[in-house]
Amino acid sequence: RLGEKSPSHVDYIGDLLDWFPDARIIAIQRDPRAVAASRLSVPWVQRTARPSLRHGLIANSRRYHLIHKAARWAWVHERIMANWALEPRVRCVGYEALVDRPKALMQELCLFIGESS
């Protein structure tokens, strides 16, 4: 089994399924407010705005970073993951659901990937 948590890998679900036809993909979807809140403490979000002719004055600001991440989150879940909703090899799981009922959901996911629970 292999796991990788980089959010940008959702862009390559089709390629991964082509390369590995027996693969099972589990995508974790987290509430965007929780994602934004978790980003507030990372150093690259905390830095102050620096003037930039290329990116504008707020390009490196906290607000820009959070707006960019929120837009990316919406795009991923409204466009990319929606395209995979009917694919039997892909399962989208809410992070909050996993926290609320970990045992039941992990049993379902083990069954999905062909592992004993």
PDB file of N, CA and C in Angstrom:
ATOM      1  N   ARG A   1       0.835  -1.185   0.000  1.00  0.00           N
ATOM      2  CA  ARG A   1       0.000   0.000   0.000  1.00  0.00           C
ATOM      3  C   ARG A   1       0.875   1.243   0.000  1.00  0.00           C
ATOM      4  N   LEU A   2       0.389   2.283  -0.607  1.00  0.00           N
ATOM      5  CA  LEU A   2       1.129   3.531  -0.698  1.00  0.00           C
ATOM      6  C   LEU A   2       0.168   4.668  -0.376  1.00  0.00           C
ATOM      7  N   GLY A   3       0.638   5.625   0.356  1.00  0.00           N
ATOM      8  CA  GLY A   3      -0.172   6.796   0.665  1.00  0.00           C
ATOM      9  C   GLY A   3       0.617   8.056   0.379  1.00  0.00           C
ATOM     10  N   GLU A   4      -0.064   9.091  -0.046  1.00  0.00           N
ATOM     11  CA  GLU A   4       0.579  10.367  -0.306  1.00  0.00           C
ATOM     12  C   GLU A   4      -0.448  11.447  -0.012  1.00  0.00           C
ATOM     13  N   LYS A   5      -0.063  12.448   0.727  1.00  0.00           N
ATOM     14  CA  LYS A   5      -1.043  13.413   1.197  1.00  0.00           C
ATOM     15  C   LYS A   5      -1.055  14.753   0.461  1.00  0.00           C
ATOM     16  N   SER A   6      -0.228  14.928  -0.533  1.00  0.00           N
ATOM     17  CA  SER A   6      -0.178  16.219  -1.215  1.00  0.00           C
ATOM     18  C   SER A   6      -1.503  16.524  -1.901  1.00  0.00           C
ATOM     19  N   PRO A   7      -2.129  17.631  -1.531  1.00  0.00           N
ATOM     20  CA  PRO A   7      -3.435  17.965  -2.117  1.00  0.00           C
ATOM     21  C   PRO A   7      -3.414  18.099  -3.640  1.00  0.00           C
ATOM     22  N   SER A   8      -2.281  18.513  -4.187  1.00  0.00           N
ATOM     23  CA  SER A   8      -2.239  18.721  -5.640  1.00  0.00           C
ATOM     24  C   SER A   8      -2.322  17.428  -6.438  1.00  0.00           C
ATOM     25  N   HIS A   9      -2.202  16.282  -5.792  1.00  0.00           N
ATOM     26  CA  HIS A   9      -2.293  15.023  -6.528  1.00  0.00           C
ATOM     27  C   HIS A   9      -3.691  14.754  -7.072  1.00  0.00           C
ATOM     28  N   VAL A  10      -4.684  15.499  -6.614  1.00  0.00           N
ATOM     29  CA  VAL A  10      -6.020  15.330  -7.202  1.00  0.00           C
ATOM     30  C   VAL A  10      -6.011  15.674  -8.688  1.00  0.00           C
ATOM     31  N   ASP A  11      -5.041  16.494  -9.095  1.00  0.00           N
ATOM     32  CA  ASP A  11      -4.928  16.854 -10.509  1.00  0.00           C
ATOM     33  C   ASP A  11      -4.510  15.666 -11.378  1.00  0.00           C
ATOM     34  N   TYR A  12      -4.012  14.608 -10.751  1.00  0.00           N
ATOM     35  CA  TYR A  12      -3.463  13.470 -11.488  1.00  0.00           C
ATOM     36  C   TYR A  12      -4.223  12.168 -11.251  1.00  0.00           C
ATOM     37  N   ILE A  13      -5.445  12.248 -10.758  1.00  0.00           N
ATOM     38  CA  ILE A  13      -6.211  11.035 -10.495  1.00  0.00           C
ATOM     39  C   ILE A  13      -6.368  10.200 -11.760  1.00  0.00           C
ATOM     40  N   GLY A  14      -6.684  10.829 -12.859  1.00  0.00           N
ATOM     41  CA  GLY A  14      -6.848  10.100 -14.120  1.00  0.00           C
ATOM     42  C   GLY A  14      -5.580   9.379 -14.527  1.00  0.00           C
ATOM     43  N   ASP A  15      -4.453  10.070 -14.446  1.00  0.00           N
ATOM     44  CA  ASP A  15      -3.175   9.447 -14.788  1.00  0.00           C
ATOM     45  C   ASP A  15      -2.875   8.276 -13.861  1.00  0.00           C
ATOM     46  N   LEU A  16      -3.075   8.470 -12.575  1.00  0.00           N
ATOM     47  CA  LEU A  16      -2.800   7.405 -11.614  1.00  0.00           C
ATOM     48  C   LEU A  16      -3.652   6.167 -11.894  1.00  0.00           C
ATOM     49  N   LEU A  17      -4.915   6.392 -12.203  1.00  0.00           N
ATOM     50  CA  LEU A  17      -5.794   5.254 -12.502  1.00  0.00           C
ATOM     51  C   LEU A  17      -5.432   4.586 -13.830  1.00  0.00           C
ATOM     52  N   ASP A  18      -4.920   5.356 -14.781  1.00  0.00           N
ATOM     53  CA  ASP A  18      -4.449   4.762 -16.036  1.00  0.00           C
ATOM     54  C   ASP A  18      -3.201   3.904 -15.791  1.00  0.00           C
ATOM     55  N   TRP A  19      -2.282   4.438 -15.007  1.00  0.00           N
ATOM     56  CA  TRP A  19      -1.025   3.731 -14.742  1.00  0.00           C
ATOM     57  C   TRP A  19      -1.229   2.510 -13.844  1.00  0.00           C
ATOM     58  N   PHE A  20      -2.162   2.646 -12.914  1.00  0.00           N
ATOM     59  CA  PHE A  20      -2.417   1.582 -11.939  1.00  0.00           C
ATOM     60  C   PHE A  20      -3.909   1.257 -11.945  1.00  0.00           C
ATOM     61  N   PRO A  21      -4.369   0.446 -12.898  1.00  0.00           N
ATOM     62  CA  PRO A  21      -5.804   0.184 -13.057  1.00  0.00           C
ATOM     63  C   PRO A  21      -6.466  -0.443 -11.832  1.00  0.00           C
ATOM     64  N   ASP A  22      -5.712  -1.131 -11.007  1.00  0.00           N
ATOM     65  CA  ASP A  22      -6.287  -1.746  -9.804  1.00  0.00           C
ATOM     66  C   ASP A  22      -6.207  -0.838  -8.575  1.00  0.00           C
ATOM     67  N   ALA A  23      -5.724   0.370  -8.765  1.00  0.00           N
ATOM     68  CA  ALA A  23      -5.554   1.296  -7.642  1.00  0.00           C
ATOM     69  C   ALA A  23      -6.898   1.706  -7.048  1.00  0.00           C
ATOM     70  N   ARG A  24      -6.862   2.064  -5.811  1.00  0.00           N
ATOM     71  CA  ARG A  24      -8.005   2.658  -5.120  1.00  0.00           C
ATOM     72  C   ARG A  24      -7.512   3.980  -4.551  1.00  0.00           C
ATOM     73  N   ILE A  25      -8.269   5.030  -4.792  1.00  0.00           N
ATOM     74  CA  ILE A  25      -7.869   6.360  -4.342  1.00  0.00           C
ATOM     75  C   ILE A  25      -8.863   6.864  -3.313  1.00  0.00           C
ATOM     76  N   ILE A  26      -8.324   7.294  -2.206  1.00  0.00           N
ATOM     77  CA  ILE A  26      -9.133   7.889  -1.139  1.00  0.00           C
ATOM     78  C   ILE A  26      -8.712   9.351  -1.034  1.00  0.00           C
ATOM     79  N   ALA A  27      -9.643  10.236  -1.280  1.00  0.00           N
ATOM     80  CA  ALA A  27      -9.386  11.667  -1.169  1.00  0.00           C
ATOM     81  C   ALA A  27     -10.086  12.185   0.092  1.00  0.00           C
ATOM     82  N   ILE A  28      -9.344  12.894   0.908  1.00  0.00           N
ATOM     83  CA  ILE A  28      -9.911  13.452   2.131  1.00  0.00           C
ATOM     84  C   ILE A  28     -10.328  14.891   1.854  1.00  0.00           C
ATOM     85  N   GLN A  29     -11.566  15.187   2.127  1.00  0.00           N
ATOM     86  CA  GLN A  29     -12.098  16.539   1.932  1.00  0.00           C
ATOM     87  C   GLN A  29     -12.303  17.173   3.302  1.00  0.00           C
ATOM     88  N   ARG A  30     -11.660  18.297   3.530  1.00  0.00           N
ATOM     89  CA  ARG A  30     -11.747  18.984   4.811  1.00  0.00           C
ATOM     90  C   ARG A  30     -12.538  20.279   4.650  1.00  0.00           C
ATOM     91  N   ASP A  31     -13.250  20.647   5.690  1.00  0.00           N
ATOM     92  CA  ASP A  31     -14.009  21.894   5.686  1.00  0.00           C
ATOM     93  C   ASP A  31     -13.051  23.050   5.378  1.00  0.00           C
ATOM     94  N   PRO A  32     -13.401  23.908   4.422  1.00  0.00           N
ATOM     95  CA  PRO A  32     -12.471  24.984   4.033  1.00  0.00           C
ATOM     96  C   PRO A  32     -12.150  25.939   5.166  1.00  0.00           C
ATOM     97  N   ARG A  33     -13.064  26.118   6.096  1.00  0.00           N
ATOM     98  CA  ARG A  33     -12.766  27.001   7.235  1.00  0.00           C
ATOM     99  C   ARG A  33     -11.676  26.407   8.104  1.00  0.00           C
ATOM    100  N   ALA A  34     -11.680  25.088   8.262  1.00  0.00           N
ATOM    101  CA  ALA A  34     -10.639  24.430   9.050  1.00  0.00           C
ATOM    102  C   ALA A  34      -9.296  24.503   8.322  1.00  0.00           C
ATOM    103  N   VAL A  35      -9.327  24.375   7.010  1.00  0.00           N
ATOM    104  CA  VAL A  35      -8.096  24.488   6.225  1.00  0.00           C
ATOM    105  C   VAL A  35      -7.506  25.883   6.403  1.00  0.00           C
ATOM    106  N   ALA A  36      -8.359  26.900   6.258  1.00  0.00           N
ATOM    107  CA  ALA A  36      -7.882  28.278   6.406  1.00  0.00           C
ATOM    108  C   ALA A  36      -7.337  28.522   7.807  1.00  0.00           C
ATOM    109  N   ALA A  37      -8.038  28.051   8.814  1.00  0.00           N
ATOM    110  CA  ALA A  37      -7.583  28.250  10.194  1.00  0.00           C
ATOM    111  C   ALA A  37      -6.237  27.572  10.431  1.00  0.00           C
ATOM    112  N   SER A  38      -6.036  26.401   9.860  1.00  0.00           N
ATOM    113  CA  SER A  38      -4.771  25.688  10.069  1.00  0.00           C
ATOM    114  C   SER A  38      -3.618  26.385   9.356  1.00  0.00           C
ATOM    115  N   ARG A  39      -3.912  27.120   8.310  1.00  0.00           N
ATOM    116  CA  ARG A  39      -2.862  27.812   7.550  1.00  0.00           C
ATOM    117  C   ARG A  39      -2.390  29.087   8.221  1.00  0.00           C
ATOM    118  N   LEU A  40      -3.170  29.617   9.154  1.00  0.00           N
ATOM    119  CA  LEU A  40      -2.825  30.902   9.757  1.00  0.00           C
ATOM    120  C   LEU A  40      -1.517  30.879  10.551  1.00  0.00           C
ATOM    121  N   SER A  41      -1.096  29.714  10.987  1.00  0.00           N
ATOM    122  CA  SER A  41       0.100  29.650  11.823  1.00  0.00           C
ATOM    123  C   SER A  41       1.379  29.320  11.054  1.00  0.00           C
ATOM    124  N   VAL A  42       1.289  29.032   9.768  1.00  0.00           N
ATOM    125  CA  VAL A  42       2.493  28.681   9.025  1.00  0.00           C
ATOM    126  C   VAL A  42       3.267  29.938   8.632  1.00  0.00           C
ATOM    127  N   PRO A  43       4.593  29.878   8.636  1.00  0.00           N
ATOM    128  CA  PRO A  43       5.413  31.083   8.417  1.00  0.00           C
ATOM    129  C   PRO A  43       5.134  31.820   7.115  1.00  0.00           C
ATOM    130  N   TRP A  44       4.916  31.092   6.012  1.00  0.00           N
ATOM    131  CA  TRP A  44       4.732  31.783   4.741  1.00  0.00           C
ATOM    132  C   TRP A  44       3.400  32.501   4.652  1.00  0.00           C
ATOM    133  N   VAL A  45       2.472  32.221   5.547  1.00  0.00           N
ATOM    134  CA  VAL A  45       1.212  32.956   5.584  1.00  0.00           C
ATOM    135  C   VAL A  45       1.334  34.159   6.515  1.00  0.00           C
ATOM    136  N   GLN A  46       2.205  34.066   7.494  1.00  0.00           N
ATOM    137  CA  GLN A  46       2.331  35.134   8.483  1.00  0.00           C
ATOM    138  C   GLN A  46       3.163  36.314   7.998  1.00  0.00           C
ATOM    139  N   ARG A  47       3.978  36.129   6.967  1.00  0.00           N
ATOM    140  CA  ARG A  47       4.840  37.233   6.555  1.00  0.00           C
ATOM    141  C   ARG A  47       4.018  38.420   6.064  1.00  0.00           C
ATOM    142  N   THR A  48       4.607  39.579   6.137  1.00  0.00           N
ATOM    143  CA  THR A  48       3.890  40.801   5.747  1.00  0.00           C
ATOM    144  C   THR A  48       3.985  41.003   4.241  1.00  0.00           C
ATOM    145  N   ALA A  49       3.126  41.848   3.747  1.00  0.00           N
ATOM    146  CA  ALA A  49       3.101  42.128   2.307  1.00  0.00           C
ATOM    147  C   ALA A  49       4.387  42.818   1.886  1.00  0.00           C
ATOM    148  N   ARG A  50       4.898  42.429   0.724  1.00  0.00           N
ATOM    149  CA  ARG A  50       6.056  43.081   0.126  1.00  0.00           C
ATOM    150  C   ARG A  50       5.620  43.615  -1.228  1.00  0.00           C
ATOM    151  N   PRO A  51       6.031  44.816  -1.570  1.00  0.00           N
ATOM    152  CA  PRO A  51       5.671  45.332  -2.893  1.00  0.00           C
ATOM    153  C   PRO A  51       6.220  44.423  -3.993  1.00  0.00           C
ATOM    154  N   SER A  52       5.420  44.194  -5.000  1.00  0.00           N
ATOM    155  CA  SER A  52       5.837  43.353  -6.113  1.00  0.00           C
ATOM    156  C   SER A  52       5.130  43.831  -7.366  1.00  0.00           C
ATOM    157  N   LEU A  53       5.890  44.218  -8.360  1.00  0.00           N
ATOM    158  CA  LEU A  53       5.272  44.659  -9.610  1.00  0.00           C
ATOM    159  C   LEU A  53       4.604  43.496 -10.331  1.00  0.00           C
ATOM    160  N   ARG A  54       5.173  42.332 -10.177  1.00  0.00           N
ATOM    161  CA  ARG A  54       4.640  41.166 -10.881  1.00  0.00           C
ATOM    162  C   ARG A  54       3.343  40.664 -10.268  1.00  0.00           C
ATOM    163  N   HIS A  55       3.280  40.602  -8.942  1.00  0.00           N
ATOM    164  CA  HIS A  55       2.135  39.997  -8.277  1.00  0.00           C
ATOM    165  C   HIS A  55       1.231  40.990  -7.540  1.00  0.00           C
ATOM    166  N   GLY A  56       1.607  42.249  -7.471  1.00  0.00           N
ATOM    167  CA  GLY A  56       0.795  43.223  -6.763  1.00  0.00           C
ATOM    168  C   GLY A  56       1.194  43.324  -5.299  1.00  0.00           C
ATOM    169  N   LEU A  57       0.660  44.297  -4.635  1.00  0.00           N
ATOM    170  CA  LEU A  57       1.065  44.580  -3.258  1.00  0.00           C
ATOM    171  C   LEU A  57       0.656  43.523  -2.252  1.00  0.00           C
ATOM    172  N   ILE A  58      -0.449  42.823  -2.485  1.00  0.00           N
ATOM    173  CA  ILE A  58      -0.883  41.863  -1.472  1.00  0.00           C
ATOM    174  C   ILE A  58      -0.514  40.424  -1.819  1.00  0.00           C
ATOM    175  N   ALA A  59       0.318  40.237  -2.829  1.00  0.00           N
ATOM    176  CA  ALA A  59       0.626  38.884  -3.290  1.00  0.00           C
ATOM    177  C   ALA A  59       1.217  38.002  -2.198  1.00  0.00           C
ATOM    178  N   ASN A  60       1.983  38.549  -1.310  1.00  0.00           N
ATOM    179  CA  ASN A  60       2.598  37.745  -0.258  1.00  0.00           C
ATOM    180  C   ASN A  60       1.915  37.944   1.088  1.00  0.00           C
ATOM    181  N   SER A  61       0.755  38.515   1.075  1.00  0.00           N
ATOM    182  CA  SER A  61       0.064  38.782   2.333  1.00  0.00           C
ATOM    183  C   SER A  61      -0.771  37.591   2.781  1.00  0.00           C
ATOM    184  N   ARG A  62      -1.133  37.626   3.993  1.00  0.00           N
ATOM    185  CA  ARG A  62      -1.968  36.587   4.601  1.00  0.00           C
ATOM    186  C   ARG A  62      -3.309  36.474   3.880  1.00  0.00           C
ATOM    187  N   ARG A  63      -3.911  37.616   3.594  1.00  0.00           N
ATOM    188  CA  ARG A  63      -5.210  37.629   2.919  1.00  0.00           C
ATOM    189  C   ARG A  63      -5.120  36.967   1.546  1.00  0.00           C
ATOM    190  N   TYR A  64      -4.093  37.314   0.786  1.00  0.00           N
ATOM    191  CA  TYR A  64      -3.917  36.728  -0.541  1.00  0.00           C
ATOM    192  C   TYR A  64      -3.789  35.214  -0.438  1.00  0.00           C
ATOM    193  N   HIS A  65      -2.970  34.749   0.506  1.00  0.00           N
ATOM    194  CA  HIS A  65      -2.740  33.315   0.660  1.00  0.00           C
ATOM    195  C   HIS A  65      -4.047  32.587   0.989  1.00  0.00           C
ATOM    196  N   LEU A  66      -4.807  33.124   1.912  1.00  0.00           N
ATOM    197  CA  LEU A  66      -6.052  32.470   2.313  1.00  0.00           C
ATOM    198  C   LEU A  66      -7.091  32.498   1.196  1.00  0.00           C
ATOM    199  N   ILE A  67      -7.169  33.600   0.489  1.00  0.00           N
ATOM    200  CA  ILE A  67      -8.109  33.690  -0.639  1.00  0.00           C
ATOM    201  C   ILE A  67      -7.707  32.689  -1.728  1.00  0.00           C
ATOM    202  N   HIS A  68      -6.428  32.614  -2.014  1.00  0.00           N
ATOM    203  CA  HIS A  68      -5.932  31.675  -3.022  1.00  0.00           C
ATOM    204  C   HIS A  68      -6.240  30.235  -2.620  1.00  0.00           C
ATOM    205  N   LYS A  69      -5.994  29.875  -1.368  1.00  0.00           N
ATOM    206  CA  LYS A  69      -6.249  28.507  -0.907  1.00  0.00           C
ATOM    207  C   LYS A  69      -7.744  28.192  -0.919  1.00  0.00           C
ATOM    208  N   ALA A  70      -8.568  29.146  -0.541  1.00  0.00           N
ATOM    209  CA  ALA A  70     -10.021  28.924  -0.554  1.00  0.00           C
ATOM    210  C   ALA A  70     -10.514  28.711  -1.984  1.00  0.00           C
ATOM    211  N   ALA A  71      -9.992  29.501  -2.917  1.00  0.00           N
ATOM    212  CA  ALA A  71     -10.391  29.356  -4.320  1.00  0.00           C
ATOM    213  C   ALA A  71      -9.944  28.002  -4.866  1.00  0.00           C
ATOM    214  N   ARG A  72      -8.744  27.590  -4.519  1.00  0.00           N
ATOM    215  CA  ARG A  72      -8.241  26.282  -4.966  1.00  0.00           C
ATOM    216  C   ARG A  72      -9.090  25.155  -4.386  1.00  0.00           C
ATOM    217  N   TRP A  73      -9.429  25.244  -3.100  1.00  0.00           N
ATOM    218  CA  TRP A  73     -10.263  24.232  -2.447  1.00  0.00           C
ATOM    219  C   TRP A  73     -11.597  24.106  -3.188  1.00  0.00           C
ATOM    220  N   ALA A  74     -12.240  25.240  -3.453  1.00  0.00           N
ATOM    221  CA  ALA A  74     -13.537  25.223  -4.136  1.00  0.00           C
ATOM    222  C   ALA A  74     -13.400  24.609  -5.528  1.00  0.00           C
ATOM    223  N   TRP A  75     -12.362  24.989  -6.242  1.00  0.00           N
ATOM    224  CA  TRP A  75     -12.144  24.463  -7.589  1.00  0.00           C
ATOM    225  C   TRP A  75     -11.944  22.959  -7.552  1.00  0.00           C
ATOM    226  N   VAL A  76     -11.126  22.464  -6.621  1.00  0.00           N
ATOM    227  CA  VAL A  76     -10.858  21.028  -6.519  1.00  0.00           C
ATOM    228  C   VAL A  76     -12.143  20.258  -6.260  1.00  0.00           C
ATOM    229  N   HIS A  77     -12.926  20.705  -5.318  1.00  0.00           N
ATOM    230  CA  HIS A  77     -14.090  19.922  -4.927  1.00  0.00           C
ATOM    231  C   HIS A  77     -15.302  20.136  -5.821  1.00  0.00           C
ATOM    232  N   GLU A  78     -15.390  21.279  -6.463  1.00  0.00           N
ATOM    233  CA  GLU A  78     -16.515  21.519  -7.366  1.00  0.00           C
ATOM    234  C   GLU A  78     -16.234  21.015  -8.776  1.00  0.00           C
ATOM    235  N   ARG A  79     -14.984  21.023  -9.182  1.00  0.00           N
ATOM    236  CA  ARG A  79     -14.644  20.636 -10.548  1.00  0.00           C
ATOM    237  C   ARG A  79     -13.983  19.264 -10.624  1.00  0.00           C
ATOM    238  N   ILE A  80     -12.880  19.109  -9.933  1.00  0.00           N
ATOM    239  CA  ILE A  80     -12.109  17.872 -10.081  1.00  0.00           C
ATOM    240  C   ILE A  80     -12.802  16.696  -9.409  1.00  0.00           C
ATOM    241  N   MET A  81     -13.081  16.794  -8.127  1.00  0.00           N
ATOM    242  CA  MET A  81     -13.656  15.658  -7.411  1.00  0.00           C
ATOM    243  C   MET A  81     -15.063  15.335  -7.897  1.00  0.00           C
ATOM    244  N   ALA A  82     -15.801  16.329  -8.328  1.00  0.00           N
ATOM    245  CA  ALA A  82     -17.135  16.078  -8.877  1.00  0.00           C
ATOM    246  C   ALA A  82     -17.047  15.179 -10.108  1.00  0.00           C
ATOM    247  N   ASN A  83     -15.972  15.317 -10.880  1.00  0.00           N
ATOM    248  CA  ASN A  83     -15.784  14.471 -12.064  1.00  0.00           C
ATOM    249  C   ASN A  83     -15.541  13.014 -11.705  1.00  0.00           C
ATOM    250  N   TRP A  84     -15.061  12.753 -10.500  1.00  0.00           N
ATOM    251  CA  TRP A  84     -14.730  11.390 -10.082  1.00  0.00           C
ATOM    252  C   TRP A  84     -15.797  10.769  -9.201  1.00  0.00           C
ATOM    253  N   ALA A  85     -16.899  11.451  -8.993  1.00  0.00           N
ATOM    254  CA  ALA A  85     -17.941  10.976  -8.071  1.00  0.00           C
ATOM    255  C   ALA A  85     -18.496   9.603  -8.447  1.00  0.00           C
ATOM    256  N   LEU A  86     -18.562   9.291  -9.718  1.00  0.00           N
ATOM    257  CA  LEU A  86     -19.130   8.016 -10.156  1.00  0.00           C
ATOM    258  C   LEU A  86     -18.080   6.941 -10.425  1.00  0.00           C
ATOM    259  N   GLU A  87     -16.817   7.275 -10.244  1.00  0.00           N
ATOM    260  CA  GLU A  87     -15.728   6.314 -10.476  1.00  0.00           C
ATOM    261  C   GLU A  87     -15.628   5.378  -9.277  1.00  0.00           C
ATOM    262  N   PRO A  88     -15.813   4.075  -9.478  1.00  0.00           N
ATOM    263  CA  PRO A  88     -15.800   3.137  -8.349  1.00  0.00           C
ATOM    264  C   PRO A  88     -14.441   2.965  -7.674  1.00  0.00           C
ATOM    265  N   ARG A  89     -13.368   3.421  -8.320  1.00  0.00           N
ATOM    266  CA  ARG A  89     -12.033   3.295  -7.728  1.00  0.00           C
ATOM    267  C   ARG A  89     -11.633   4.510  -6.905  1.00  0.00           C
ATOM    268  N   VAL A  90     -12.529   5.488  -6.811  1.00  0.00           N
ATOM    269  CA  VAL A  90     -12.228   6.725  -6.082  1.00  0.00           C
ATOM    270  C   VAL A  90     -13.271   6.923  -4.995  1.00  0.00           C
ATOM    271  N   ARG A  91     -12.818   7.231  -3.819  1.00  0.00           N
ATOM    272  CA  ARG A  91     -13.727   7.506  -2.695  1.00  0.00           C
ATOM    273  C   ARG A  91     -13.322   8.828  -2.064  1.00  0.00           C
ATOM    274  N   CYS A  92     -14.274   9.737  -1.930  1.00  0.00           N
ATOM    275  CA  CYS A  92     -14.042  11.013  -1.252  1.00  0.00           C
ATOM    276  C   CYS A  92     -14.630  10.907   0.153  1.00  0.00           C
ATOM    277  N   VAL A  93     -13.822  11.204   1.138  1.00  0.00           N
ATOM    278  CA  VAL A  93     -14.215  11.060   2.536  1.00  0.00           C
ATOM    279  C   VAL A  93     -14.064  12.409   3.229  1.00  0.00           C
ATOM    280  N   GLY A  94     -15.054  12.801   3.966  1.00  0.00           N
ATOM    281  CA  GLY A  94     -14.960  14.031   4.740  1.00  0.00           C
ATOM    282  C   GLY A  94     -14.065  13.830   5.963  1.00  0.00           C
ATOM    283  N   TYR A  95     -13.124  14.722   6.149  1.00  0.00           N
ATOM    284  CA  TYR A  95     -12.216  14.653   7.296  1.00  0.00           C
ATOM    285  C   TYR A  95     -12.999  14.662   8.604  1.00  0.00           C
ATOM    286  N   GLU A  96     -13.991  15.512   8.670  1.00  0.00           N
ATOM    287  CA  GLU A  96     -14.793  15.622   9.888  1.00  0.00           C
ATOM    288  C   GLU A  96     -15.543  14.323  10.173  1.00  0.00           C
ATOM    289  N   ALA A  97     -16.014  13.644   9.118  1.00  0.00           N
ATOM    290  CA  ALA A  97     -16.684  12.351   9.301  1.00  0.00           C
ATOM    291  C   ALA A  97     -15.704  11.317   9.841  1.00  0.00           C
ATOM    292  N   LEU A  98     -14.482  11.370   9.351  1.00  0.00           N
ATOM    293  CA  LEU A  98     -13.451  10.441   9.827  1.00  0.00           C
ATOM    294  C   LEU A  98     -13.152  10.667  11.309  1.00  0.00           C
ATOM    295  N   VAL A  99     -13.133  11.912  11.717  1.00  0.00           N
ATOM    296  CA  VAL A  99     -12.895  12.234  13.125  1.00  0.00           C
ATOM    297  C   VAL A  99     -14.099  11.831  13.980  1.00  0.00           C
ATOM    298  N   ASP A 100     -15.297  12.040  13.458  1.00  0.00           N
ATOM    299  CA  ASP A 100     -16.524  11.737  14.215  1.00  0.00           C
ATOM    300  C   ASP A 100     -16.746  10.245  14.422  1.00  0.00           C
ATOM    301  N   ARG A 101     -16.479   9.451  13.400  1.00  0.00           N
ATOM    302  CA  ARG A 101     -16.722   8.004  13.503  1.00  0.00           C
ATOM    303  C   ARG A 101     -15.578   7.227  12.863  1.00  0.00           C
ATOM    304  N   PRO A 102     -14.407   7.302  13.479  1.00  0.00           N
ATOM    305  CA  PRO A 102     -13.214   6.714  12.865  1.00  0.00           C
ATOM    306  C   PRO A 102     -13.298   5.205  12.648  1.00  0.00           C
ATOM    307  N   LYS A 103     -13.810   4.466  13.616  1.00  0.00           N
ATOM    308  CA  LYS A 103     -13.819   3.008  13.478  1.00  0.00           C
ATOM    309  C   LYS A 103     -14.697   2.558  12.314  1.00  0.00           C
ATOM    310  N   ALA A 104     -15.908   3.055  12.254  1.00  0.00           N
ATOM    311  CA  ALA A 104     -16.833   2.655  11.190  1.00  0.00           C
ATOM    312  C   ALA A 104     -16.307   3.061   9.811  1.00  0.00           C
ATOM    313  N   LEU A 105     -15.803   4.274   9.722  1.00  0.00           N
ATOM    314  CA  LEU A 105     -15.311   4.744   8.428  1.00  0.00           C
ATOM    315  C   LEU A 105     -14.044   4.008   8.009  1.00  0.00           C
ATOM    316  N   MET A 106     -13.163   3.722   8.946  1.00  0.00           N
ATOM    317  CA  MET A 106     -11.955   2.970   8.608  1.00  0.00           C
ATOM    318  C   MET A 106     -12.295   1.551   8.168  1.00  0.00           C
ATOM    319  N   GLN A 107     -13.318   0.954   8.751  1.00  0.00           N
ATOM    320  CA  GLN A 107     -13.745  -0.374   8.298  1.00  0.00           C
ATOM    321  C   GLN A 107     -14.240  -0.311   6.852  1.00  0.00           C
ATOM    322  N   GLU A 108     -15.015   0.725   6.529  1.00  0.00           N
ATOM    323  CA  GLU A 108     -15.494   0.903   5.159  1.00  0.00           C
ATOM    324  C   GLU A 108     -14.326   1.106   4.190  1.00  0.00           C
ATOM    325  N   LEU A 109     -13.357   1.923   4.601  1.00  0.00           N
ATOM    326  CA  LEU A 109     -12.216   2.204   3.731  1.00  0.00           C
ATOM    327  C   LEU A 109     -11.326   0.979   3.554  1.00  0.00           C
ATOM    328  N   CYS A 110     -11.163   0.185   4.606  1.00  0.00           N
ATOM    329  CA  CYS A 110     -10.398  -1.056   4.480  1.00  0.00           C
ATOM    330  C   CYS A 110     -11.063  -1.997   3.486  1.00  0.00           C
ATOM    331  N   LEU A 111     -12.356  -2.089   3.554  1.00  0.00           N
ATOM    332  CA  LEU A 111     -13.102  -2.924   2.603  1.00  0.00           C
ATOM    333  C   LEU A 111     -12.909  -2.379   1.182  1.00  0.00           C
ATOM    334  N   PHE A 112     -12.969  -1.061   1.038  1.00  0.00           N
ATOM    335  CA  PHE A 112     -12.798  -0.415  -0.259  1.00  0.00           C
ATOM    336  C   PHE A 112     -11.437  -0.734  -0.883  1.00  0.00           C
ATOM    337  N   ILE A 113     -10.374  -0.754  -0.074  1.00  0.00           N
ATOM    338  CA  ILE A 113      -9.033  -0.999  -0.623  1.00  0.00           C
ATOM    339  C   ILE A 113      -8.624  -2.472  -0.572  1.00  0.00           C
ATOM    340  N   GLY A 114      -9.526  -3.317  -0.057  1.00  0.00           N
ATOM    341  CA  GLY A 114      -9.240  -4.748  -0.042  1.00  0.00           C
ATOM    342  C   GLY A 114      -8.369  -5.205   1.102  1.00  0.00           C
ATOM    343  N   GLU A 115      -8.437  -4.505   2.218  1.00  0.00           N
ATOM    344  CA  GLU A 115      -7.685  -4.884   3.415  1.00  0.00           C
ATOM    345  C   GLU A 115      -8.653  -5.375   4.480  1.00  0.00           C
ATOM    346  N   SER A 116      -8.169  -6.262   5.316  1.00  0.00           N
ATOM    347  CA  SER A 116      -9.019  -6.691   6.431  1.00  0.00           C
ATOM    348  C   SER A 116      -9.026  -5.594   7.484  1.00  0.00           C
ATOM    349  N   SER A 117     -10.134  -5.463   8.147  1.00  0.00           N
ATOM    350  CA  SER A 117     -10.236  -4.429   9.190  1.00  0.00           C
ATOM    351  C   SER A 117      -9.976  -5.074  10.485  1.00  0.00           C
TER     352      SER A 117
END
